[in-house]
Amino acid sequence: MVERYAREEMKKLWDMNAKYSAWLEVEKALVKGWNTLGLIPDCDCKKICENAKFDIARIDEIEAVTKHDLIAFTTSVAESLGEESRWFHYGITSSDTIDTAVALQMRDSLKIIIEDVKALREVIKKRAYEHKDTLMVGRSHGIHGEPITFGLVCAIWYDEIGRHLQSLESTLEVISVGKISGAMGNLAHTPIELEELVCANLGLKAAPASNQVIQRDRYARLMTDLALLASSCEKIAVEIRHLQRTEVYEAEEYFSQGQKGSSAMPHKRNPVLSENITGLCRVIRSFALPAMENVALWHERDISHSSVERFILPDGFITTDFMLTRLTSLIDKLVVYPKNMLKNLNLTGGLVFSQRILLELPKCGVSREDAYKIVQRNAMKVWQSLQEGQPALNAKGESLYLQYLLADSELVGLLSKNGGNGEQIIRDCFEFAYYTKNVDSIFKRVFGES
């Protein structure tokens, strides 16, 4: 865990105190369960539940000798009790305590992540409606395509993050399971009623079947969900980085007063937050593979998963929580430049309207192949003229492409075949409203609102 990328609320769920506190919570639930079933006397149950405590320094001291952290923990707790300590950790194995306790930590941590995701979606939704009609150019392969709106870009983000939210909420159920089934999972030393009592007391479900551990496909699903979420968050961050490039400059991260972008170049305002998010998402994704490799353990259990989980569980949650919070703030404060978006939309001299012309010609009996040739030959003239330094728009505000199309007598003649006005049909194809006519319908599908 890197302090720079950790928020206090999540960090506290994974420090040593939280770890041992979760262990103690499970052990107390076990004592209460045995008490309910009549094994542990009321007086001993009360003493353990009221007095049992641990000392981290003492645990470290004992572990230096025992080389076993759970035994060091139980020994430390036993030192805080009297004869009733004989009932502490009665009938169970280390993984009963550890895996059930980790389920508590994962459950509480995932609830924070889910709230983070909800907050991110709300900010995206706000910006989507704010820029529902803000025109910009859509790009494929990094090249101008056709007009869209920035609101539509945000709507896609919202919809995509929503799928991750659904997955995480489903995974919350998958990971919220415990086990009190003993060393081989056969419940030989603990009745099944005890396992159900303990898990219910902790707000968990009992794993229907387990061996010495909770099966790690549950953990792998969790880490894969976080990795997929990170991939979508990186996608958003990369888009913002592209939009902030000097040649594009359609949006940029908020640059606070007194902020510095470069030690050498005072003019720099860099997309440092979205670059940081990109890096953090790479780290989060890296946790998915070892989590999947942890699924295949030897027979009823080996310990190869343990060291891995000491890294990926706390770091996965802590890093994801920080990344989501940073991304939410970034989008909330993102500075959008509609005028630059419109300027860039006109940058290619009207080429973004080429498909509209292409679709008009088949209505006049022209084959698609011939239509494509006519539309493309005029488009190539525009590219050449732009390379030669001609302005994208003339003094009348007419684009280069419109000028070339109107001057193409064959095209005008074909569009006038059925008694239409070929020139007017061409001009009508250069209306931005055509591309935004269904934005409201898309928003209704995405956000479920009229």
Protein backbone atom coordinates (compact mmCIF):
# COMPACT_ATOMS: atom_id res chain seq x y z
CA MET A 1 0.00 0.00 0.00
CA VAL A 2 1.34 3.41 -1.04
CA GLU A 3 0.21 6.17 1.30
CA ARG A 4 0.06 8.63 -1.60
CA TYR A 5 -2.74 6.62 -3.17
CA ALA A 6 -4.74 5.66 -0.09
CA ARG A 7 -7.82 7.19 1.50
CA GLU A 8 -8.23 6.90 5.24
CA GLU A 9 -11.62 5.18 5.29
CA MET A 10 -10.49 2.28 3.10
CA LYS A 11 -6.98 2.12 4.53
CA LYS A 12 -8.36 1.55 8.03
CA LEU A 13 -10.18 -1.56 6.85
CA TRP A 14 -6.88 -3.22 5.93
CA ASP A 15 -4.37 -2.22 8.60
CA MET A 16 -3.14 -4.73 11.18
CA ASN A 17 -5.62 -3.59 13.78
CA ALA A 18 -8.50 -4.16 11.34
CA LYS A 19 -7.16 -7.59 10.45
CA TYR A 20 -6.93 -8.80 14.04
CA SER A 21 -10.19 -7.11 14.97
CA ALA A 22 -11.93 -9.09 12.24
CA TRP A 23 -10.30 -12.28 13.52
CA LEU A 24 -11.50 -11.51 17.02
CA GLU A 25 -15.01 -10.79 15.75
CA VAL A 26 -15.14 -14.22 14.13
CA GLU A 27 -13.77 -15.94 17.23
CA LYS A 28 -16.34 -14.23 19.46
CA ALA A 29 -19.12 -15.25 17.09
CA LEU A 30 -17.81 -18.81 17.37
CA VAL A 31 -17.94 -18.66 21.17
CA LYS A 32 -21.50 -17.34 21.05
CA GLY A 33 -22.43 -20.14 18.65
CA TRP A 34 -21.01 -22.83 20.90
CA ASN A 35 -22.82 -21.21 23.81
CA THR A 36 -26.12 -21.33 21.94
CA LEU A 37 -25.55 -25.02 21.24
CA GLY A 38 -24.84 -25.68 24.93
CA LEU A 39 -21.10 -26.42 24.91
CA ILE A 40 -19.68 -23.22 26.40
CA PRO A 41 -21.23 -22.08 29.72
CA ASP A 42 -22.86 -18.67 29.85
CA CYS A 43 -20.31 -17.33 32.31
CA ASP A 44 -17.34 -18.32 30.14
CA CYS A 45 -19.03 -16.96 27.01
CA LYS A 46 -19.60 -13.64 28.75
CA LYS A 47 -16.03 -13.42 30.02
CA ILE A 48 -14.59 -14.11 26.56
CA CYS A 49 -16.88 -11.70 24.74
CA GLU A 50 -16.26 -8.92 27.27
CA ASN A 51 -12.56 -9.39 27.98
CA ALA A 52 -10.89 -10.96 24.98
CA LYS A 53 -8.39 -8.59 23.37
CA PHE A 54 -5.17 -8.72 21.44
CA ASP A 55 -1.89 -6.83 21.49
CA ILE A 56 -0.23 -6.33 18.11
CA ALA A 57 3.26 -5.95 19.56
CA ARG A 58 2.78 -9.14 21.57
CA ILE A 59 1.50 -10.99 18.47
CA ASP A 60 4.62 -9.98 16.57
CA GLU A 61 6.76 -11.16 19.46
CA ILE A 62 5.06 -14.56 19.62
CA GLU A 63 5.06 -15.00 15.83
CA ALA A 64 8.82 -14.47 15.76
CA VAL A 65 9.01 -17.78 17.62
CA THR A 66 5.99 -19.72 16.34
CA LYS A 67 6.25 -18.59 12.69
CA HIS A 68 2.44 -18.82 12.62
CA ASP A 69 0.37 -15.64 12.79
CA LEU A 70 -2.94 -17.23 13.81
CA ILE A 71 -1.34 -19.13 16.70
CA ALA A 72 0.42 -15.94 17.75
CA PHE A 73 -2.95 -14.20 17.72
CA THR A 74 -4.77 -16.85 19.75
CA THR A 75 -1.93 -16.95 22.26
CA SER A 76 -2.04 -13.20 22.69
CA VAL A 77 -5.80 -13.28 23.21
CA ALA A 78 -5.52 -16.18 25.66
CA GLU A 79 -3.19 -14.05 27.76
CA SER A 80 -6.02 -11.57 28.23
CA LEU A 81 -8.33 -14.29 29.57
CA GLY A 82 -8.44 -16.81 32.39
CA GLU A 83 -9.40 -20.47 32.36
CA GLU A 84 -12.19 -19.67 29.91
CA SER A 85 -9.50 -19.28 27.22
CA ARG A 86 -9.77 -23.06 26.67
CA TRP A 87 -12.88 -22.36 24.62
CA PHE A 88 -11.22 -19.78 22.40
CA HIS A 89 -10.76 -21.08 18.81
CA TYR A 90 -12.41 -24.33 19.87
CA GLY A 91 -12.92 -26.97 17.16
CA ILE A 92 -11.87 -24.91 14.16
CA THR A 93 -8.79 -24.39 11.99
CA SER A 94 -6.87 -21.25 11.11
CA SER A 95 -8.60 -20.73 7.78
CA ASP A 96 -12.00 -20.83 9.44
CA THR A 97 -11.02 -17.69 11.27
CA ILE A 98 -8.95 -16.06 8.55
CA ASP A 99 -11.20 -16.66 5.54
CA THR A 100 -14.35 -15.69 7.41
CA ALA A 101 -12.65 -12.57 8.71
CA VAL A 102 -11.39 -11.66 5.23
CA ALA A 103 -14.96 -12.03 3.99
CA LEU A 104 -15.93 -9.31 6.47
CA GLN A 105 -13.14 -7.06 5.23
CA MET A 106 -13.94 -7.67 1.58
CA ARG A 107 -17.64 -7.13 2.16
CA ASP A 108 -17.15 -3.81 3.93
CA SER A 109 -14.55 -2.69 1.41
CA LEU A 110 -16.68 -3.60 -1.59
CA LYS A 111 -19.57 -1.62 -0.14
CA ILE A 112 -17.31 1.45 -0.22
CA ILE A 113 -16.29 0.70 -3.81
CA ILE A 114 -19.95 0.37 -4.80
CA GLU A 115 -20.72 3.76 -3.27
CA ASP A 116 -17.68 5.18 -5.11
CA VAL A 117 -19.03 3.84 -8.40
CA LYS A 118 -22.46 5.32 -7.72
CA ALA A 119 -20.88 8.71 -7.00
CA LEU A 120 -18.88 8.49 -10.24
CA ARG A 121 -22.03 7.75 -12.24
CA GLU A 122 -23.87 10.68 -10.71
CA VAL A 123 -21.11 13.08 -11.72
CA ILE A 124 -20.99 11.61 -15.23
CA LYS A 125 -24.77 11.97 -15.49
CA LYS A 126 -24.60 15.61 -14.44
CA ARG A 127 -21.98 16.39 -17.09
CA ALA A 128 -23.92 14.40 -19.71
CA TYR A 129 -27.03 16.55 -19.28
CA GLU A 130 -24.93 19.70 -19.10
CA HIS A 131 -23.44 18.90 -22.52
CA LYS A 132 -26.29 16.94 -24.08
CA ASP A 133 -26.34 19.32 -27.05
CA THR A 134 -22.68 20.38 -27.06
CA LEU A 135 -21.52 19.56 -30.59
CA MET A 136 -18.15 17.94 -31.17
CA VAL A 137 -16.61 15.75 -33.82
CA GLY A 138 -16.68 12.00 -33.38
CA ARG A 139 -13.43 10.26 -34.23
CA SER A 140 -12.50 6.78 -35.36
CA HIS A 141 -8.85 5.79 -35.70
CA GLY A 142 -8.16 9.26 -34.31
CA ILE A 143 -9.57 10.78 -37.54
CA HIS A 144 -12.65 12.99 -37.79
CA GLY A 145 -15.80 11.02 -38.51
CA GLU A 146 -19.20 12.66 -37.99
CA PRO A 147 -20.77 15.12 -35.54
CA ILE A 148 -21.76 13.89 -32.09
CA THR A 149 -22.23 15.65 -28.74
CA PHE A 150 -20.08 15.52 -25.65
CA GLY A 151 -23.21 14.52 -23.76
CA LEU A 152 -23.36 11.33 -25.81
CA VAL A 153 -19.75 10.57 -24.90
CA CYS A 154 -20.67 10.92 -21.23
CA ALA A 155 -23.81 8.82 -21.69
CA ILE A 156 -21.67 5.95 -22.96
CA TRP A 157 -19.42 6.27 -19.92
CA TYR A 158 -22.47 6.24 -17.62
CA ASP A 159 -23.93 3.15 -19.27
CA GLU A 160 -20.63 1.28 -19.19
CA ILE A 161 -19.89 2.06 -15.54
CA GLY A 162 -23.45 0.94 -14.79
CA ARG A 163 -22.64 -2.56 -15.99
CA HIS A 164 -19.70 -2.67 -13.61
CA LEU A 165 -21.97 -1.53 -10.80
CA GLN A 166 -24.33 -4.43 -11.47
CA SER A 167 -21.43 -6.88 -11.49
CA LEU A 168 -20.01 -5.55 -8.24
CA GLU A 169 -23.38 -5.73 -6.50
CA SER A 170 -23.72 -9.34 -7.62
CA THR A 171 -20.17 -10.13 -6.54
CA LEU A 172 -20.90 -8.66 -3.11
CA GLU A 173 -23.15 -11.66 -2.52
CA VAL A 174 -20.55 -14.07 -3.88
CA ILE A 175 -17.79 -12.94 -1.51
CA SER A 176 -19.97 -12.49 1.60
CA VAL A 177 -19.56 -16.08 2.75
CA GLY A 178 -17.77 -17.68 5.68
CA LYS A 179 -16.80 -21.16 6.81
CA ILE A 180 -16.56 -22.92 10.15
CA SER A 181 -16.13 -26.35 8.61
CA GLY A 182 -12.81 -27.42 10.10
CA ALA A 183 -9.44 -28.52 8.80
CA MET A 184 -10.74 -30.52 5.82
CA GLY A 185 -14.14 -28.87 5.45
CA ASN A 186 -16.01 -31.99 6.55
CA LEU A 187 -17.60 -30.42 9.65
CA ALA A 188 -16.27 -33.36 11.69
CA HIS A 189 -15.58 -31.31 14.82
CA THR A 190 -18.21 -28.60 14.40
CA PRO A 191 -21.89 -29.22 13.69
CA ILE A 192 -23.36 -27.61 10.60
CA GLU A 193 -25.71 -25.68 12.86
CA LEU A 194 -22.69 -23.96 14.41
CA GLU A 195 -21.39 -22.82 11.05
CA GLU A 196 -24.76 -21.36 10.15
CA LEU A 197 -25.08 -19.66 13.55
CA VAL A 198 -21.63 -18.07 13.34
CA CYS A 199 -22.06 -16.85 9.78
CA ALA A 200 -25.53 -15.46 10.46
CA ASN A 201 -24.18 -13.65 13.52
CA LEU A 202 -21.57 -12.00 11.27
CA GLY A 203 -24.01 -11.10 8.50
CA LEU A 204 -22.56 -13.69 6.14
CA LYS A 205 -23.83 -16.82 4.46
CA ALA A 206 -22.17 -20.15 5.09
CA ALA A 207 -20.37 -21.57 2.06
CA PRO A 208 -22.47 -24.56 0.94
CA ALA A 209 -19.29 -26.63 0.70
CA SER A 210 -15.68 -25.85 1.52
CA ASN A 211 -12.44 -27.65 2.11
CA GLN A 212 -9.82 -26.02 4.33
CA VAL A 213 -10.52 -22.67 2.67
CA ILE A 214 -13.21 -20.66 0.98
CA GLN A 215 -12.85 -21.41 -2.73
CA ARG A 216 -10.77 -18.78 -4.48
CA ASP A 217 -12.94 -18.43 -7.56
CA ARG A 218 -14.89 -16.00 -5.37
CA TYR A 219 -11.81 -13.85 -4.83
CA ALA A 220 -10.88 -14.14 -8.51
CA ARG A 221 -14.31 -12.91 -9.53
CA LEU A 222 -13.91 -9.92 -7.24
CA MET A 223 -10.47 -8.98 -8.54
CA THR A 224 -11.59 -9.49 -12.14
CA ASP A 225 -14.54 -7.18 -11.54
CA LEU A 226 -12.18 -4.53 -10.17
CA ALA A 227 -9.86 -5.05 -13.15
CA LEU A 228 -12.71 -4.61 -15.64
CA LEU A 229 -13.91 -1.53 -13.81
CA ALA A 230 -10.37 -0.14 -13.96
CA SER A 231 -10.25 -0.78 -17.71
CA SER A 232 -13.33 1.36 -18.26
CA CYS A 233 -12.01 4.06 -15.96
CA GLU A 234 -8.75 4.09 -17.90
CA LYS A 235 -10.76 4.45 -21.09
CA ILE A 236 -12.32 7.63 -19.69
CA ALA A 237 -8.96 8.93 -18.52
CA VAL A 238 -7.36 8.30 -21.92
CA GLU A 239 -10.20 10.17 -23.64
CA ILE A 240 -9.65 13.18 -21.38
CA ARG A 241 -5.92 13.06 -22.08
CA HIS A 242 -6.63 13.13 -25.82
CA LEU A 243 -9.11 15.98 -25.49
CA GLN A 244 -6.53 18.04 -23.58
CA ARG A 245 -3.83 17.70 -26.24
CA THR A 246 -2.83 21.16 -27.48
CA GLU A 247 -3.86 20.33 -31.07
CA VAL A 248 -7.33 19.33 -29.83
CA TYR A 249 -7.91 21.33 -26.64
CA GLU A 250 -11.61 20.55 -26.33
CA ALA A 251 -11.44 19.89 -22.59
CA GLU A 252 -8.86 19.98 -19.84
CA GLU A 253 -8.37 19.11 -16.21
CA TYR A 254 -9.06 21.90 -13.76
CA PHE A 255 -5.84 23.80 -13.11
CA SER A 256 -5.92 25.32 -9.63
CA GLN A 257 -4.38 28.61 -8.61
CA GLY A 258 -0.72 28.14 -7.73
CA GLN A 259 -0.51 24.77 -9.51
CA LYS A 260 2.64 24.16 -11.57
CA GLY A 261 2.85 21.95 -14.64
CA SER A 262 6.57 21.74 -15.29
CA SER A 263 9.77 22.56 -13.48
CA ALA A 264 11.29 23.77 -16.76
CA MET A 265 8.37 25.16 -18.80
CA PRO A 266 6.12 27.56 -16.88
CA HIS A 267 3.40 27.48 -19.54
CA LYS A 268 2.60 23.76 -19.12
CA ARG A 269 -0.84 22.55 -17.96
CA ASN A 270 -0.59 18.79 -18.15
CA PRO A 271 -3.31 16.10 -17.75
CA VAL A 272 -1.55 14.73 -14.67
CA LEU A 273 -4.64 13.40 -12.93
CA SER A 274 -5.89 11.39 -15.88
CA GLU A 275 -2.36 10.12 -16.49
CA ASN A 276 -2.19 9.08 -12.84
CA ILE A 277 -5.54 7.33 -13.15
CA THR A 278 -4.27 5.48 -16.22
CA GLY A 279 -1.30 4.21 -14.24
CA LEU A 280 -3.38 3.18 -11.24
CA CYS A 281 -5.76 1.27 -13.49
CA ARG A 282 -2.82 -0.70 -14.89
CA VAL A 283 -1.86 -1.66 -11.35
CA ILE A 284 -5.41 -2.70 -10.46
CA ARG A 285 -5.65 -4.89 -13.57
CA SER A 286 -2.40 -6.61 -12.62
CA PHE A 287 -4.10 -8.10 -9.55
CA ALA A 288 -6.60 -10.12 -11.59
CA LEU A 289 -4.17 -12.71 -12.95
CA PRO A 290 -2.65 -13.81 -9.61
CA ALA A 291 -6.18 -13.97 -8.17
CA MET A 292 -7.16 -16.39 -10.93
CA GLU A 293 -3.98 -18.40 -10.42
CA ASN A 294 -4.93 -18.73 -6.73
CA VAL A 295 -8.00 -20.78 -7.66
CA ALA A 296 -5.97 -23.93 -8.30
CA LEU A 297 -4.61 -25.04 -4.91
CA TRP A 298 -3.29 -28.51 -4.05
CA HIS A 299 -6.00 -30.88 -2.85
CA GLU A 300 -7.88 -29.37 0.10
CA ARG A 301 -5.52 -26.41 0.35
CA ASP A 302 -1.96 -25.21 0.17
CA ILE A 303 -0.51 -21.87 1.22
CA SER A 304 0.56 -20.52 -2.20
CA HIS A 305 -2.43 -18.16 -2.25
CA SER A 306 -1.70 -16.56 1.11
CA SER A 307 1.23 -14.33 0.23
CA VAL A 308 -0.52 -13.22 -2.95
CA GLU A 309 -3.65 -12.16 -1.09
CA ARG A 310 -1.67 -10.17 1.45
CA PHE A 311 -0.80 -7.92 -1.50
CA ILE A 312 -3.74 -7.95 -3.88
CA LEU A 313 -6.66 -7.66 -1.46
CA PRO A 314 -5.63 -4.56 0.50
CA ASP A 315 -3.85 -2.95 -2.44
CA GLY A 316 -6.67 -3.79 -4.83
CA PHE A 317 -9.33 -2.19 -2.68
CA ILE A 318 -7.25 0.77 -1.51
CA THR A 319 -6.03 1.63 -5.01
CA THR A 320 -9.46 1.21 -6.62
CA ASP A 321 -11.08 3.41 -3.97
CA PHE A 322 -8.49 6.15 -4.50
CA MET A 323 -8.66 5.91 -8.30
CA LEU A 324 -12.47 6.14 -8.37
CA THR A 325 -12.51 9.13 -6.05
CA ARG A 326 -9.89 10.90 -8.15
CA LEU A 327 -11.73 10.19 -11.39
CA THR A 328 -15.01 11.43 -9.93
CA SER A 329 -13.40 14.70 -8.90
CA LEU A 330 -11.67 15.03 -12.26
CA ILE A 331 -14.90 14.68 -14.24
CA ASP A 332 -16.79 16.94 -11.85
CA LYS A 333 -14.25 19.75 -12.35
CA LEU A 334 -13.43 19.02 -16.00
CA VAL A 335 -13.30 22.25 -18.02
CA VAL A 336 -15.07 21.81 -21.36
CA TYR A 337 -14.57 24.14 -24.32
CA PRO A 338 -17.63 24.03 -26.64
CA LYS A 339 -16.22 26.72 -28.95
CA ASN A 340 -13.08 24.68 -29.56
CA MET A 341 -15.22 21.62 -30.13
CA LEU A 342 -17.16 23.48 -32.83
CA LYS A 343 -13.95 24.89 -34.32
CA ASN A 344 -12.50 21.38 -34.60
CA LEU A 345 -15.78 20.10 -36.02
CA ASN A 346 -15.30 22.54 -38.92
CA LEU A 347 -11.58 21.84 -39.22
CA THR A 348 -11.87 19.46 -42.18
CA GLY A 349 -13.98 21.79 -44.29
CA GLY A 350 -17.25 19.88 -44.06
CA LEU A 351 -15.92 16.39 -44.73
CA VAL A 352 -17.86 15.17 -41.71
CA PHE A 353 -21.04 15.39 -43.84
CA SER A 354 -19.82 13.01 -46.57
CA GLN A 355 -22.05 10.09 -45.58
CA ARG A 356 -25.17 12.22 -45.84
CA ILE A 357 -24.39 12.98 -49.47
CA LEU A 358 -23.56 9.32 -50.06
CA LEU A 359 -26.98 8.27 -48.73
CA GLU A 360 -28.87 10.70 -50.95
CA LEU A 361 -27.59 9.35 -54.26
CA PRO A 362 -29.10 5.81 -54.07
CA LYS A 363 -32.50 7.52 -53.65
CA CYS A 364 -31.90 8.92 -57.14
CA GLY A 365 -31.11 5.52 -58.67
CA VAL A 366 -27.33 5.72 -58.36
CA SER A 367 -25.48 2.53 -57.40
CA ARG A 368 -23.60 2.59 -54.12
CA GLU A 369 -20.26 2.09 -55.89
CA ASP A 370 -20.83 5.03 -58.23
CA ALA A 371 -22.16 7.16 -55.39
CA TYR A 372 -19.07 6.43 -53.33
CA LYS A 373 -16.77 7.46 -56.19
CA ILE A 374 -18.56 10.79 -56.67
CA VAL A 375 -18.56 11.65 -52.97
CA GLN A 376 -14.98 10.50 -52.42
CA ARG A 377 -13.46 12.37 -55.36
CA ASN A 378 -14.78 15.63 -53.97
CA ALA A 379 -13.56 14.71 -50.50
CA MET A 380 -10.05 14.12 -51.84
CA LYS A 381 -10.07 17.62 -53.34
CA VAL A 382 -10.80 19.01 -49.88
CA TRP A 383 -7.87 17.14 -48.34
CA GLN A 384 -5.58 18.50 -51.05
CA SER A 385 -6.84 22.05 -50.62
CA LEU A 386 -6.38 21.92 -46.86
CA GLN A 387 -2.82 20.70 -47.34
CA GLU A 388 -2.22 23.68 -49.63
CA GLY A 389 -3.37 26.06 -46.94
CA GLN A 390 -6.84 26.97 -48.17
CA PRO A 391 -9.28 27.92 -45.38
CA ALA A 392 -11.83 25.32 -44.31
CA LEU A 393 -14.60 27.94 -44.56
CA ASN A 394 -14.98 30.81 -47.02
CA ALA A 395 -16.12 34.35 -46.18
CA LYS A 396 -19.76 33.24 -46.37
CA GLY A 397 -19.12 30.50 -43.85
CA GLU A 398 -19.47 27.80 -46.51
CA SER A 399 -17.20 24.80 -46.10
CA LEU A 400 -14.73 23.69 -48.75
CA TYR A 401 -16.58 20.43 -49.19
CA LEU A 402 -19.88 22.18 -49.78
CA GLN A 403 -18.22 24.40 -52.38
CA TYR A 404 -16.77 21.45 -54.28
CA LEU A 405 -20.02 19.48 -54.16
CA LEU A 406 -22.06 22.40 -55.47
CA ALA A 407 -19.54 22.79 -58.29
CA ASP A 408 -19.88 19.12 -59.30
CA SER A 409 -22.41 19.28 -62.16
CA GLU A 410 -22.75 15.50 -62.33
CA LEU A 411 -23.65 15.29 -58.65
CA VAL A 412 -26.10 18.20 -58.81
CA GLY A 413 -27.69 16.72 -61.91
CA LEU A 414 -28.13 13.29 -60.35
CA LEU A 415 -29.73 14.75 -57.21
CA SER A 416 -32.11 16.77 -59.42
CA LYS A 417 -33.27 13.72 -61.39
CA ASN A 418 -36.65 13.28 -59.72
CA GLY A 419 -37.60 16.90 -59.93
CA GLY A 420 -35.69 17.90 -56.81
CA ASN A 421 -33.39 20.83 -56.32
CA GLY A 422 -29.94 19.25 -56.33
CA GLU A 423 -28.19 22.26 -54.86
CA GLN A 424 -30.69 22.56 -52.02
CA ILE A 425 -30.46 18.84 -51.26
CA ILE A 426 -26.68 19.25 -50.92
CA ARG A 427 -27.04 22.27 -48.65
CA ASP A 428 -29.58 20.45 -46.48
CA CYS A 429 -27.02 17.71 -45.90
CA PHE A 430 -24.82 20.19 -44.04
CA GLU A 431 -27.11 20.64 -41.02
CA PHE A 432 -25.80 19.65 -37.59
CA ALA A 433 -29.32 19.07 -36.25
CA TYR A 434 -29.56 15.91 -38.36
CA TYR A 435 -26.90 14.30 -36.16
CA THR A 436 -28.44 15.27 -32.84
CA LYS A 437 -32.10 14.51 -33.59
CA ASN A 438 -32.08 11.28 -31.54
CA VAL A 439 -30.00 12.46 -28.58
CA ASP A 440 -33.08 12.78 -26.37
CA SER A 441 -34.17 9.24 -27.23
CA ILE A 442 -30.70 7.89 -26.46
CA PHE A 443 -30.66 9.72 -23.15
CA LYS A 444 -34.03 8.24 -22.27
CA ARG A 445 -32.68 4.74 -22.92
CA VAL A 446 -29.53 5.39 -20.89
CA PHE A 447 -30.88 7.41 -17.98
CA GLY A 448 -34.50 6.22 -18.00
CA GLU A 449 -35.85 9.75 -17.99
CA SER A 450 -37.91 11.78 -20.44
